[in-house]
Amino acid sequence: MKYYFDLISQSNEIIVIPRNNHEDDGIVLMSMSTYKSLNENNLDETEYLFSTAKNKARLEESIQQLHEGKTKKYDLTNKIP
C-alpha cells in the first residue's frame, strides 16, 4: 500500500477502488493537495446541488438527456435587446 500512497502523493493521481461491483460503493484515494484543490473548486458546490432528492433527480435526468443527445443549441453570441 505504501507504493500506492507514495504514487498518489507524488503524482496527484487519483485511484478509484471499486467495491461490491457497485460504482457508488467505491473508495477514492487522493493526495491532500488534490483534495483541497477539488474541495475549493467543486466539492462544496456538488454537495449542495445534490443535497435534496428532488434536485439530485433533476440533475441526473439532465445528465441522462445529455448522454442521449436530447439537447438544444442556443446562439449566445447575439445580444438581448
C-alpha atoms as a PDB file:
ATOM      1  CA  MET A   1       0.000   0.000   0.000  1.00  0.00           C
ATOM      2  CA  LYS A   2       2.893   2.332   0.698  1.00  0.00           C
ATOM      3  CA  TYR A   3       3.778   2.198  -3.011  1.00  0.00           C
ATOM      4  CA  TYR A   4       0.320   3.440  -3.991  1.00  0.00           C
ATOM      5  CA  PHE A   5       0.249   6.089  -1.282  1.00  0.00           C
ATOM      6  CA  ASP A   6       3.618   7.397  -2.473  1.00  0.00           C
ATOM      7  CA  LEU A   7       2.431   7.319  -6.089  1.00  0.00           C
ATOM      8  CA  ILE A   8      -0.675   9.308  -5.238  1.00  0.00           C
ATOM      9  CA  SER A   9       1.236  11.799  -3.137  1.00  0.00           C
ATOM     10  CA  GLN A  10       3.947  12.411  -5.732  1.00  0.00           C
ATOM     11  CA  SER A  11       1.821  12.478  -8.882  1.00  0.00           C
ATOM     12  CA  ASN A  12      -1.501  13.877  -7.684  1.00  0.00           C
ATOM     13  CA  GLU A  13      -3.158  10.887  -9.363  1.00  0.00           C
ATOM     14  CA  ILE A  14      -6.483   9.654  -8.073  1.00  0.00           C
ATOM     15  CA  ILE A  15      -7.039   5.944  -7.520  1.00  0.00           C
ATOM     16  CA  VAL A  16     -10.571   4.540  -7.544  1.00  0.00           C
ATOM     17  CA  ILE A  17     -11.043   1.262  -5.691  1.00  0.00           C
ATOM     18  CA  PRO A  18     -14.280  -0.486  -6.697  1.00  0.00           C
ATOM     19  CA  ARG A  19     -16.201  -2.440  -4.072  1.00  0.00           C
ATOM     20  CA  ASN A  20     -19.072  -4.912  -4.246  1.00  0.00           C
ATOM     21  CA  ASN A  21     -19.403  -4.497  -8.028  1.00  0.00           C
ATOM     22  CA  HIS A  22     -21.304  -1.270  -7.459  1.00  0.00           C
ATOM     23  CA  GLU A  23     -19.919   2.054  -8.698  1.00  0.00           C
ATOM     24  CA  ASP A  24     -21.341   4.106  -5.823  1.00  0.00           C
ATOM     25  CA  ASP A  25     -19.762   1.795  -3.247  1.00  0.00           C
ATOM     26  CA  GLY A  26     -16.196   2.522  -4.372  1.00  0.00           C
ATOM     27  CA  ILE A  27     -13.419   4.260  -2.492  1.00  0.00           C
ATOM     28  CA  VAL A  28     -11.325   7.148  -3.829  1.00  0.00           C
ATOM     29  CA  LEU A  29      -7.722   7.776  -2.769  1.00  0.00           C
ATOM     30  CA  MET A  30      -6.109  11.131  -3.500  1.00  0.00           C
ATOM     31  CA  SER A  31      -3.429  13.371  -2.074  1.00  0.00           C
ATOM     32  CA  MET A  32      -4.378  16.079   0.364  1.00  0.00           C
ATOM     33  CA  SER A  33      -3.324  18.763  -2.126  1.00  0.00           C
ATOM     34  CA  THR A  34      -5.622  17.267  -4.787  1.00  0.00           C
ATOM     35  CA  TYR A  35      -8.460  17.026  -2.272  1.00  0.00           C
ATOM     36  CA  LYS A  36      -8.012  20.635  -1.200  1.00  0.00           C
ATOM     37  CA  SER A  37      -7.925  21.768  -4.825  1.00  0.00           C
ATOM     38  CA  LEU A  38     -11.112  19.869  -5.657  1.00  0.00           C
ATOM     39  CA  ASN A  39     -12.789  20.962  -2.467  1.00  0.00           C
ATOM     40  CA  GLU A  40     -12.069  24.617  -3.083  1.00  0.00           C
ATOM     41  CA  ASN A  41     -13.421  24.380  -6.619  1.00  0.00           C
ATOM     42  CA  ASN A  42     -16.137  21.779  -6.823  1.00  0.00           C
ATOM     43  CA  LEU A  43     -16.924  19.518  -3.915  1.00  0.00           C
ATOM     44  CA  ASP A  44     -18.860  22.052  -1.867  1.00  0.00           C
ATOM     45  CA  GLU A  45     -20.946  23.066  -4.865  1.00  0.00           C
ATOM     46  CA  THR A  46     -21.602  19.448  -5.866  1.00  0.00           C
ATOM     47  CA  GLU A  47     -22.619  18.569  -2.321  1.00  0.00           C
ATOM     48  CA  TYR A  48     -25.036  21.494  -2.310  1.00  0.00           C
ATOM     49  CA  LEU A  49     -26.512  20.599  -5.699  1.00  0.00           C
ATOM     50  CA  PHE A  50     -27.140  17.015  -4.605  1.00  0.00           C
ATOM     51  CA  SER A  51     -28.381  17.974  -1.128  1.00  0.00           C
ATOM     52  CA  THR A  52     -32.058  17.329  -1.885  1.00  0.00           C
ATOM     53  CA  ALA A  53     -33.569  14.267  -3.532  1.00  0.00           C
ATOM     54  CA  LYS A  54     -35.609  16.400  -5.935  1.00  0.00           C
ATOM     55  CA  ASN A  55     -32.619  18.430  -7.122  1.00  0.00           C
ATOM     56  CA  LYS A  56     -30.461  15.303  -7.435  1.00  0.00           C
ATOM     57  CA  ALA A  57     -33.143  13.594  -9.546  1.00  0.00           C
ATOM     58  CA  ARG A  58     -33.437  16.656 -11.809  1.00  0.00           C
ATOM     59  CA  LEU A  59     -29.670  16.830 -12.325  1.00  0.00           C
ATOM     60  CA  GLU A  60     -29.483  13.104 -13.065  1.00  0.00           C
ATOM     61  CA  GLU A  61     -32.320  13.495 -15.582  1.00  0.00           C
ATOM     62  CA  SER A  62     -30.407  16.307 -17.296  1.00  0.00           C
ATOM     63  CA  ILE A  63     -27.238  14.221 -17.451  1.00  0.00           C
ATOM     64  CA  GLN A  64     -29.219  11.342 -18.979  1.00  0.00           C
ATOM     65  CA  GLN A  65     -30.684  13.711 -21.584  1.00  0.00           C
ATOM     66  CA  LEU A  66     -27.165  14.891 -22.430  1.00  0.00           C
ATOM     67  CA  HIS A  67     -25.946  11.312 -22.911  1.00  0.00           C
ATOM     68  CA  GLU A  68     -28.956  10.554 -25.130  1.00  0.00           C
ATOM     69  CA  GLY A  69     -28.328  13.617 -27.287  1.00  0.00           C
ATOM     70  CA  LYS A  70     -31.547  15.296 -26.192  1.00  0.00           C
ATOM     71  CA  THR A  71     -30.089  18.790 -26.062  1.00  0.00           C
ATOM     72  CA  LYS A  72     -30.865  22.153 -27.649  1.00  0.00           C
ATOM     73  CA  LYS A  73     -28.335  24.556 -29.132  1.00  0.00           C
ATOM     74  CA  TYR A  74     -28.575  28.253 -28.417  1.00  0.00           C
ATOM     75  CA  ASP A  75     -26.676  31.056 -30.080  1.00  0.00           C
ATOM     76  CA  LEU A  76     -25.295  33.091 -27.211  1.00  0.00           C
ATOM     77  CA  THR A  77     -23.350  35.480 -29.419  1.00  0.00           C
ATOM     78  CA  ASN A  78     -26.378  37.710 -30.134  1.00  0.00           C
ATOM     79  CA  LYS A  79     -27.106  40.304 -27.508  1.00  0.00           C
ATOM     80  CA  ILE A  80     -30.544  40.516 -25.986  1.00  0.00           C
ATOM     81  CA  PRO A  81     -32.175  43.886 -26.807  1.00  0.00           C
END
